[in-house]
Amino acid sequence: MGRYLDLLVDALMLRRLETWHANVGKRLIKSPKVYVRDSGLLHALLGIATLDHLAGHPVAGLSWEGFIVEQRIARLPPLAVHGFYRTAAGAEMDLVVEHGGRCTGYDIKLANAPRPARGFWNAGEDLGLDCAYVIAPVREGYPLADNVEVLSPQQVLMTG
């Protein structure tokens, strides 16, 4: 099974997002996340033909997460390092990026009024993030807390 996964990753069909290894003294989940890189292909494989069908499908949130992860990583500077963070205790950050000595976390929510779970806040503390973002299908971004903002997909697409 691993060889097939490697082949699909090498063919740029799948993205394997490795765990972010921070020295935080916590038990980390070490299994990588795997995303289909082309959300249109994912929807076709699942027989999802319309937005209405997607909205009611159990994969909608994961599809959104995979799409945003792909878009964000595509716009990172060449030397940026990225991964995801999850502990056995439930702290989780969907995407962590380090570049230029700064560490940024991203939580991806398919909700019009996103409310990050406690695991998001715990992960931010564990990692000592410089800033964190919640990416959601909102029209405009807004501040959520100190150094934490909600961003629209358009804001993610415009940033490097």
N, C-alpha and C. Protein backbone atom coordinates (compact mmCIF):
# COMPACT_ATOMS: atom_id res chain seq x y z
N MET A 1 0.82 -1.19 0.00
CA MET A 1 0.00 0.00 0.00
C MET A 1 0.86 1.26 0.00
N GLY A 2 1.95 1.24 0.75
CA GLY A 2 2.84 2.39 0.83
C GLY A 2 3.44 2.76 -0.51
N ARG A 3 3.75 1.74 -1.32
CA ARG A 3 4.33 2.02 -2.65
C ARG A 3 3.34 2.75 -3.54
N TYR A 4 2.06 2.36 -3.46
CA TYR A 4 1.04 3.02 -4.27
C TYR A 4 0.87 4.47 -3.82
N LEU A 5 0.87 4.68 -2.53
CA LEU A 5 0.78 6.04 -2.01
C LEU A 5 1.97 6.87 -2.47
N ASP A 6 3.16 6.31 -2.37
CA ASP A 6 4.36 7.01 -2.84
C ASP A 6 4.26 7.36 -4.32
N LEU A 7 3.77 6.43 -5.11
CA LEU A 7 3.61 6.65 -6.55
C LEU A 7 2.64 7.81 -6.83
N LEU A 8 1.52 7.84 -6.12
CA LEU A 8 0.54 8.91 -6.32
C LEU A 8 1.06 10.26 -5.82
N VAL A 9 1.86 10.25 -4.77
CA VAL A 9 2.49 11.49 -4.30
C VAL A 9 3.51 11.96 -5.33
N ASP A 10 4.33 11.04 -5.85
CA ASP A 10 5.32 11.40 -6.86
C ASP A 10 4.68 11.90 -8.15
N ALA A 11 3.49 11.40 -8.46
CA ALA A 11 2.77 11.82 -9.67
C ALA A 11 1.97 13.11 -9.43
N LEU A 12 2.12 13.69 -8.25
CA LEU A 12 1.45 14.94 -7.86
C LEU A 12 -0.07 14.80 -7.83
N MET A 13 -0.57 13.60 -7.61
CA MET A 13 -2.01 13.37 -7.47
C MET A 13 -2.44 13.57 -6.01
N LEU A 14 -1.55 13.18 -5.09
CA LEU A 14 -1.82 13.30 -3.67
C LEU A 14 -0.77 14.18 -3.02
N ARG A 15 -1.15 14.83 -1.93
CA ARG A 15 -0.18 15.54 -1.10
C ARG A 15 -0.11 14.81 0.23
N ARG A 16 1.09 14.48 0.63
CA ARG A 16 1.34 13.89 1.94
C ARG A 16 1.85 15.03 2.82
N LEU A 17 1.07 15.40 3.82
CA LEU A 17 1.46 16.47 4.74
C LEU A 17 2.00 15.80 6.00
N GLU A 18 3.28 15.99 6.23
CA GLU A 18 3.94 15.35 7.36
C GLU A 18 3.66 16.10 8.66
N THR A 19 3.88 15.43 9.76
CA THR A 19 3.66 16.05 11.06
C THR A 19 4.74 17.09 11.34
N TRP A 20 4.36 18.11 12.06
CA TRP A 20 5.26 19.16 12.49
C TRP A 20 5.90 18.68 13.78
N HIS A 21 7.19 18.53 13.76
CA HIS A 21 7.89 18.03 14.95
C HIS A 21 8.42 19.19 15.76
N ALA A 22 7.71 19.50 16.81
CA ALA A 22 8.14 20.55 17.72
C ALA A 22 8.59 19.88 19.01
N ASN A 23 9.57 20.43 19.63
CA ASN A 23 10.07 19.89 20.88
C ASN A 23 9.23 20.46 22.03
N VAL A 24 8.04 19.91 22.20
CA VAL A 24 7.12 20.43 23.20
C VAL A 24 6.86 19.44 24.33
N GLY A 25 7.49 18.29 24.29
CA GLY A 25 7.32 17.31 25.35
C GLY A 25 5.94 16.68 25.38
N LYS A 26 5.26 16.62 24.26
CA LYS A 26 3.92 16.04 24.16
C LYS A 26 3.98 14.81 23.26
N ARG A 27 3.01 13.92 23.42
CA ARG A 27 2.90 12.78 22.52
C ARG A 27 2.25 13.25 21.24
N LEU A 28 3.02 13.23 20.16
CA LEU A 28 2.53 13.71 18.87
C LEU A 28 1.96 12.57 18.05
N ILE A 29 0.94 12.88 17.27
CA ILE A 29 0.43 11.94 16.28
C ILE A 29 1.40 12.01 15.11
N LYS A 30 1.92 10.87 14.68
CA LYS A 30 2.99 10.88 13.68
C LYS A 30 2.55 10.44 12.29
N SER A 31 1.32 9.99 12.14
CA SER A 31 0.85 9.59 10.81
C SER A 31 0.62 10.84 9.97
N PRO A 32 1.08 10.82 8.71
CA PRO A 32 0.86 12.00 7.86
C PRO A 32 -0.61 12.11 7.44
N LYS A 33 -1.01 13.32 7.08
CA LYS A 33 -2.32 13.54 6.47
C LYS A 33 -2.12 13.40 4.96
N VAL A 34 -3.13 12.89 4.27
CA VAL A 34 -3.05 12.72 2.82
C VAL A 34 -4.26 13.41 2.20
N TYR A 35 -3.99 14.25 1.20
CA TYR A 35 -5.04 14.98 0.50
C TYR A 35 -4.95 14.68 -1.00
N VAL A 36 -6.11 14.60 -1.66
CA VAL A 36 -6.15 14.61 -3.11
C VAL A 36 -5.89 16.06 -3.51
N ARG A 37 -4.86 16.29 -4.32
CA ARG A 37 -4.44 17.66 -4.62
C ARG A 37 -5.42 18.43 -5.49
N ASP A 38 -6.20 17.75 -6.28
CA ASP A 38 -7.17 18.39 -7.17
C ASP A 38 -8.56 18.11 -6.62
N SER A 39 -9.19 19.12 -6.03
CA SER A 39 -10.50 18.91 -5.42
C SER A 39 -11.55 18.54 -6.47
N GLY A 40 -11.41 19.01 -7.70
CA GLY A 40 -12.34 18.63 -8.76
C GLY A 40 -12.25 17.14 -9.05
N LEU A 41 -11.04 16.61 -9.06
CA LEU A 41 -10.86 15.17 -9.26
C LEU A 41 -11.46 14.39 -8.09
N LEU A 42 -11.23 14.87 -6.87
CA LEU A 42 -11.82 14.21 -5.69
C LEU A 42 -13.33 14.15 -5.81
N HIS A 43 -13.95 15.27 -6.19
CA HIS A 43 -15.40 15.31 -6.31
C HIS A 43 -15.89 14.38 -7.42
N ALA A 44 -15.17 14.33 -8.53
CA ALA A 44 -15.55 13.43 -9.63
C ALA A 44 -15.45 11.97 -9.19
N LEU A 45 -14.38 11.63 -8.49
CA LEU A 45 -14.21 10.24 -8.01
C LEU A 45 -15.32 9.83 -7.03
N LEU A 46 -15.82 10.81 -6.28
CA LEU A 46 -16.87 10.52 -5.30
C LEU A 46 -18.27 10.69 -5.90
N GLY A 47 -18.36 11.07 -7.16
CA GLY A 47 -19.66 11.24 -7.80
C GLY A 47 -20.40 12.49 -7.33
N ILE A 48 -19.67 13.49 -6.91
CA ILE A 48 -20.28 14.74 -6.46
C ILE A 48 -20.33 15.68 -7.66
N ALA A 49 -21.53 15.94 -8.15
CA ALA A 49 -21.68 16.70 -9.39
C ALA A 49 -22.10 18.15 -9.17
N THR A 50 -22.69 18.47 -8.02
CA THR A 50 -23.19 19.83 -7.80
C THR A 50 -22.73 20.35 -6.44
N LEU A 51 -22.81 21.67 -6.30
CA LEU A 51 -22.49 22.28 -5.00
C LEU A 51 -23.47 21.83 -3.92
N ASP A 52 -24.73 21.65 -4.28
CA ASP A 52 -25.71 21.17 -3.30
C ASP A 52 -25.36 19.78 -2.80
N HIS A 53 -24.94 18.92 -3.72
CA HIS A 53 -24.54 17.56 -3.33
C HIS A 53 -23.29 17.61 -2.45
N LEU A 54 -22.34 18.47 -2.79
CA LEU A 54 -21.13 18.61 -1.98
C LEU A 54 -21.46 19.11 -0.59
N ALA A 55 -22.36 20.09 -0.49
CA ALA A 55 -22.70 20.68 0.81
C ALA A 55 -23.23 19.64 1.79
N GLY A 56 -23.93 18.65 1.30
CA GLY A 56 -24.48 17.62 2.17
C GLY A 56 -23.61 16.39 2.31
N HIS A 57 -22.47 16.37 1.66
CA HIS A 57 -21.61 15.18 1.65
C HIS A 57 -20.68 15.18 2.86
N PRO A 58 -20.43 14.00 3.44
CA PRO A 58 -19.55 13.92 4.61
C PRO A 58 -18.10 14.36 4.33
N VAL A 59 -17.70 14.39 3.09
CA VAL A 59 -16.32 14.75 2.75
C VAL A 59 -16.14 16.27 2.53
N ALA A 60 -17.21 17.04 2.63
CA ALA A 60 -17.15 18.47 2.32
C ALA A 60 -16.08 19.20 3.12
N GLY A 61 -16.03 18.98 4.42
CA GLY A 61 -15.03 19.66 5.26
C GLY A 61 -13.61 19.26 4.91
N LEU A 62 -13.39 17.97 4.67
CA LEU A 62 -12.05 17.51 4.29
C LEU A 62 -11.65 18.01 2.92
N SER A 63 -12.61 18.10 2.00
CA SER A 63 -12.34 18.64 0.68
C SER A 63 -11.91 20.10 0.78
N TRP A 64 -12.64 20.86 1.58
CA TRP A 64 -12.31 22.28 1.80
C TRP A 64 -10.92 22.40 2.41
N GLU A 65 -10.64 21.59 3.42
CA GLU A 65 -9.32 21.63 4.06
C GLU A 65 -8.22 21.32 3.06
N GLY A 66 -8.40 20.29 2.25
CA GLY A 66 -7.40 19.92 1.26
C GLY A 66 -7.19 21.02 0.23
N PHE A 67 -8.27 21.65 -0.20
CA PHE A 67 -8.18 22.74 -1.17
C PHE A 67 -7.38 23.90 -0.60
N ILE A 68 -7.71 24.31 0.62
CA ILE A 68 -7.02 25.45 1.24
C ILE A 68 -5.57 25.11 1.52
N VAL A 69 -5.28 23.92 2.02
CA VAL A 69 -3.88 23.52 2.26
C VAL A 69 -3.10 23.60 0.95
N GLU A 70 -3.66 23.10 -0.11
CA GLU A 70 -2.97 23.11 -1.42
C GLU A 70 -2.72 24.54 -1.89
N GLN A 71 -3.73 25.40 -1.76
CA GLN A 71 -3.57 26.79 -2.19
C GLN A 71 -2.55 27.53 -1.34
N ARG A 72 -2.56 27.29 -0.05
CA ARG A 72 -1.62 27.99 0.84
C ARG A 72 -0.19 27.54 0.58
N ILE A 73 0.02 26.23 0.46
CA ILE A 73 1.37 25.71 0.23
C ILE A 73 1.90 26.18 -1.12
N ALA A 74 1.04 26.27 -2.12
CA ALA A 74 1.47 26.71 -3.45
C ALA A 74 2.00 28.14 -3.43
N ARG A 75 1.60 28.93 -2.45
CA ARG A 75 2.00 30.33 -2.38
C ARG A 75 3.09 30.60 -1.35
N LEU A 76 3.67 29.55 -0.80
CA LEU A 76 4.74 29.73 0.18
C LEU A 76 6.06 30.03 -0.51
N PRO A 77 6.93 30.78 0.15
CA PRO A 77 8.28 31.00 -0.40
C PRO A 77 9.02 29.66 -0.49
N PRO A 78 10.02 29.57 -1.39
CA PRO A 78 10.70 28.29 -1.63
C PRO A 78 11.32 27.63 -0.39
N LEU A 79 11.82 28.39 0.55
CA LEU A 79 12.50 27.79 1.70
C LEU A 79 11.58 27.60 2.91
N ALA A 80 10.30 27.86 2.77
CA ALA A 80 9.37 27.67 3.88
C ALA A 80 9.21 26.18 4.18
N VAL A 81 9.06 25.87 5.45
CA VAL A 81 8.86 24.50 5.91
C VAL A 81 7.42 24.41 6.41
N HIS A 82 6.73 23.32 6.08
CA HIS A 82 5.34 23.20 6.49
C HIS A 82 5.00 21.78 6.93
N GLY A 83 3.93 21.68 7.70
CA GLY A 83 3.44 20.39 8.18
C GLY A 83 2.15 20.64 8.95
N PHE A 84 1.68 19.64 9.68
CA PHE A 84 0.53 19.82 10.55
C PHE A 84 0.91 19.35 11.94
N TYR A 85 0.16 19.80 12.93
CA TYR A 85 0.48 19.49 14.32
C TYR A 85 -0.74 18.89 15.00
N ARG A 86 -0.53 17.76 15.64
CA ARG A 86 -1.61 17.12 16.41
C ARG A 86 -1.00 16.31 17.53
N THR A 87 -1.55 16.48 18.72
CA THR A 87 -1.08 15.69 19.86
C THR A 87 -2.13 14.66 20.24
N ALA A 88 -1.72 13.69 21.03
CA ALA A 88 -2.64 12.67 21.51
C ALA A 88 -3.70 13.29 22.42
N ALA A 89 -3.39 14.43 23.03
CA ALA A 89 -4.33 15.10 23.94
C ALA A 89 -5.35 15.96 23.19
N GLY A 90 -5.20 16.10 21.86
CA GLY A 90 -6.20 16.81 21.07
C GLY A 90 -5.80 18.19 20.57
N ALA A 91 -4.60 18.65 20.89
CA ALA A 91 -4.16 19.94 20.32
C ALA A 91 -3.93 19.73 18.83
N GLU A 92 -4.45 20.64 18.00
CA GLU A 92 -4.32 20.44 16.56
C GLU A 92 -4.25 21.76 15.81
N MET A 93 -3.37 21.79 14.81
CA MET A 93 -3.24 22.91 13.88
C MET A 93 -3.16 22.28 12.50
N ASP A 94 -4.09 22.63 11.60
CA ASP A 94 -4.18 21.99 10.29
C ASP A 94 -2.94 22.22 9.43
N LEU A 95 -2.31 23.38 9.57
CA LEU A 95 -1.12 23.69 8.80
C LEU A 95 -0.24 24.61 9.64
N VAL A 96 1.04 24.25 9.71
CA VAL A 96 2.03 25.07 10.42
C VAL A 96 3.12 25.40 9.41
N VAL A 97 3.49 26.68 9.34
CA VAL A 97 4.49 27.13 8.37
C VAL A 97 5.57 27.90 9.12
N GLU A 98 6.81 27.57 8.81
CA GLU A 98 7.93 28.32 9.36
C GLU A 98 8.74 28.89 8.21
N HIS A 99 8.98 30.19 8.29
CA HIS A 99 9.80 30.85 7.27
C HIS A 99 10.36 32.13 7.86
N GLY A 100 11.63 32.36 7.64
CA GLY A 100 12.26 33.58 8.10
C GLY A 100 12.22 33.75 9.61
N GLY A 101 12.29 32.65 10.33
CA GLY A 101 12.28 32.71 11.78
C GLY A 101 10.90 32.92 12.40
N ARG A 102 9.86 32.95 11.59
CA ARG A 102 8.49 33.12 12.08
C ARG A 102 7.70 31.83 11.89
N CYS A 103 6.88 31.53 12.87
CA CYS A 103 6.06 30.32 12.83
C CYS A 103 4.59 30.74 12.84
N THR A 104 3.84 30.28 11.84
CA THR A 104 2.44 30.65 11.66
C THR A 104 1.59 29.39 11.62
N GLY A 105 0.44 29.44 12.27
CA GLY A 105 -0.48 28.31 12.26
C GLY A 105 -1.76 28.65 11.54
N TYR A 106 -2.36 27.63 10.92
CA TYR A 106 -3.62 27.80 10.18
C TYR A 106 -4.60 26.72 10.61
N ASP A 107 -5.81 27.14 10.93
CA ASP A 107 -6.91 26.22 11.19
C ASP A 107 -7.90 26.45 10.06
N ILE A 108 -8.42 25.39 9.49
CA ILE A 108 -9.27 25.51 8.30
C ILE A 108 -10.66 24.99 8.66
N LYS A 109 -11.65 25.88 8.54
CA LYS A 109 -13.02 25.55 8.94
C LYS A 109 -13.98 25.83 7.80
N LEU A 110 -14.88 24.91 7.56
CA LEU A 110 -15.94 25.11 6.58
C LEU A 110 -17.19 25.58 7.34
N ALA A 111 -17.13 26.84 7.78
CA ALA A 111 -18.23 27.42 8.56
C ALA A 111 -18.24 28.93 8.32
N ASN A 112 -19.42 29.51 8.24
CA ASN A 112 -19.53 30.95 8.02
C ASN A 112 -19.17 31.76 9.26
N ALA A 113 -19.28 31.16 10.42
CA ALA A 113 -18.90 31.82 11.68
C ALA A 113 -17.99 30.84 12.43
N PRO A 114 -16.74 30.72 12.00
CA PRO A 114 -15.87 29.70 12.57
C PRO A 114 -15.53 29.97 14.04
N ARG A 115 -15.53 28.90 14.80
CA ARG A 115 -15.14 28.96 16.20
C ARG A 115 -14.10 27.86 16.43
N PRO A 116 -12.84 28.25 16.53
CA PRO A 116 -11.80 27.24 16.73
C PRO A 116 -12.02 26.48 18.03
N ALA A 117 -11.72 25.20 17.97
CA ALA A 117 -11.84 24.34 19.15
C ALA A 117 -10.69 24.63 20.12
N ARG A 118 -10.82 24.10 21.31
CA ARG A 118 -9.79 24.27 22.33
C ARG A 118 -8.44 23.76 21.83
N GLY A 119 -8.45 22.71 21.01
CA GLY A 119 -7.20 22.15 20.48
C GLY A 119 -6.40 23.15 19.66
N PHE A 120 -7.09 24.07 18.96
CA PHE A 120 -6.42 25.12 18.21
C PHE A 120 -5.64 26.03 19.15
N TRP A 121 -6.30 26.46 20.22
CA TRP A 121 -5.66 27.36 21.18
C TRP A 121 -4.50 26.66 21.89
N ASN A 122 -4.70 25.37 22.24
CA ASN A 122 -3.63 24.61 22.88
C ASN A 122 -2.44 24.44 21.95
N ALA A 123 -2.71 24.17 20.69
CA ALA A 123 -1.61 24.01 19.72
C ALA A 123 -0.84 25.31 19.58
N GLY A 124 -1.56 26.43 19.53
CA GLY A 124 -0.90 27.73 19.44
C GLY A 124 0.05 27.97 20.61
N GLU A 125 -0.39 27.60 21.79
CA GLU A 125 0.47 27.73 22.98
C GLU A 125 1.65 26.77 22.90
N ASP A 126 1.38 25.51 22.54
CA ASP A 126 2.46 24.51 22.45
C ASP A 126 3.56 24.97 21.51
N LEU A 127 3.15 25.52 20.37
CA LEU A 127 4.10 25.85 19.31
C LEU A 127 4.72 27.24 19.46
N GLY A 128 4.16 28.06 20.32
CA GLY A 128 4.67 29.43 20.47
C GLY A 128 4.58 30.20 19.16
N LEU A 129 3.42 30.13 18.51
CA LEU A 129 3.23 30.75 17.20
C LEU A 129 3.38 32.27 17.27
N ASP A 130 3.91 32.83 16.20
CA ASP A 130 3.97 34.28 16.07
C ASP A 130 2.59 34.83 15.74
N CYS A 131 1.83 34.08 14.95
CA CYS A 131 0.45 34.45 14.63
C CYS A 131 -0.28 33.20 14.15
N ALA A 132 -1.61 33.29 14.16
CA ALA A 132 -2.42 32.16 13.71
C ALA A 132 -3.62 32.70 12.94
N TYR A 133 -4.08 31.88 12.01
CA TYR A 133 -5.21 32.26 11.17
C TYR A 133 -6.22 31.12 11.13
N VAL A 134 -7.48 31.51 11.07
CA VAL A 134 -8.57 30.57 10.82
C VAL A 134 -9.07 30.92 9.42
N ILE A 135 -8.99 29.98 8.51
CA ILE A 135 -9.42 30.21 7.13
C ILE A 135 -10.81 29.61 6.97
N ALA A 136 -11.74 30.45 6.55
CA ALA A 136 -13.13 30.03 6.45
C ALA A 136 -13.79 30.72 5.26
N PRO A 137 -14.91 30.20 4.78
CA PRO A 137 -15.60 30.82 3.64
C PRO A 137 -16.40 32.06 4.08
N VAL A 138 -15.67 33.07 4.51
CA VAL A 138 -16.27 34.35 4.92
C VAL A 138 -15.98 35.39 3.84
N ARG A 139 -16.75 36.45 3.81
CA ARG A 139 -16.53 37.52 2.81
C ARG A 139 -15.27 38.32 3.13
N GLU A 140 -15.12 38.69 4.38
CA GLU A 140 -13.98 39.50 4.80
C GLU A 140 -13.42 38.93 6.09
N GLY A 141 -12.11 39.06 6.25
CA GLY A 141 -11.48 38.61 7.47
C GLY A 141 -11.76 39.57 8.62
N TYR A 142 -11.48 39.08 9.82
CA TYR A 142 -11.66 39.90 11.01
C TYR A 142 -10.80 39.33 12.14
N PRO A 143 -10.44 40.18 13.10
CA PRO A 143 -9.63 39.69 14.22
C PRO A 143 -10.48 38.81 15.14
N LEU A 144 -9.84 37.79 15.68
CA LEU A 144 -10.51 36.87 16.59
C LEU A 144 -9.96 37.01 18.01
N ALA A 145 -8.67 37.24 18.11
CA ALA A 145 -7.98 37.42 19.39
C ALA A 145 -6.63 38.05 19.08
N ASP A 146 -5.81 38.27 20.10
CA ASP A 146 -4.47 38.79 19.85
C ASP A 146 -3.71 37.83 18.96
N ASN A 147 -3.18 38.33 17.86
CA ASN A 147 -2.39 37.55 16.91
C ASN A 147 -3.16 36.40 16.26
N VAL A 148 -4.48 36.46 16.28
CA VAL A 148 -5.32 35.44 15.63
C VAL A 148 -6.38 36.17 14.80
N GLU A 149 -6.44 35.81 13.51
CA GLU A 149 -7.42 36.42 12.61
C GLU A 149 -8.16 35.35 11.83
N VAL A 150 -9.38 35.65 11.47
CA VAL A 150 -10.14 34.85 10.51
C VAL A 150 -9.84 35.45 9.14
N LEU A 151 -9.50 34.61 8.16
CA LEU A 151 -9.22 35.05 6.80
C LEU A 151 -10.21 34.43 5.83
N SER A 152 -10.51 35.18 4.78
CA SER A 152 -11.33 34.64 3.68
C SER A 152 -10.40 33.88 2.74
N PRO A 153 -10.95 33.02 1.89
CA PRO A 153 -10.11 32.33 0.91
C PRO A 153 -9.39 33.30 -0.02
N GLN A 154 -10.04 34.41 -0.35
CA GLN A 154 -9.41 35.40 -1.23
C GLN A 154 -8.16 35.99 -0.57
N GLN A 155 -8.21 36.22 0.73
CA GLN A 155 -7.03 36.74 1.42
C GLN A 155 -5.89 35.73 1.41
N VAL A 156 -6.22 34.46 1.49
CA VAL A 156 -5.19 33.41 1.43
C VAL A 156 -4.56 33.37 0.04
N LEU A 157 -5.39 33.53 -0.98
CA LEU A 157 -4.89 33.47 -2.35
C LEU A 157 -4.03 34.68 -2.70
N MET A 158 -4.23 35.78 -2.00
CA MET A 158 -3.48 37.00 -2.31
C MET A 158 -2.16 37.10 -1.53
N THR A 159 -1.98 36.27 -0.51
CA THR A 159 -0.78 36.38 0.32
C THR A 159 0.27 35.38 -0.12
N GLY A 160 1.51 35.75 0.08
CA GLY A 160 2.63 34.87 -0.27
C GLY A 160 3.18 34.15 0.90
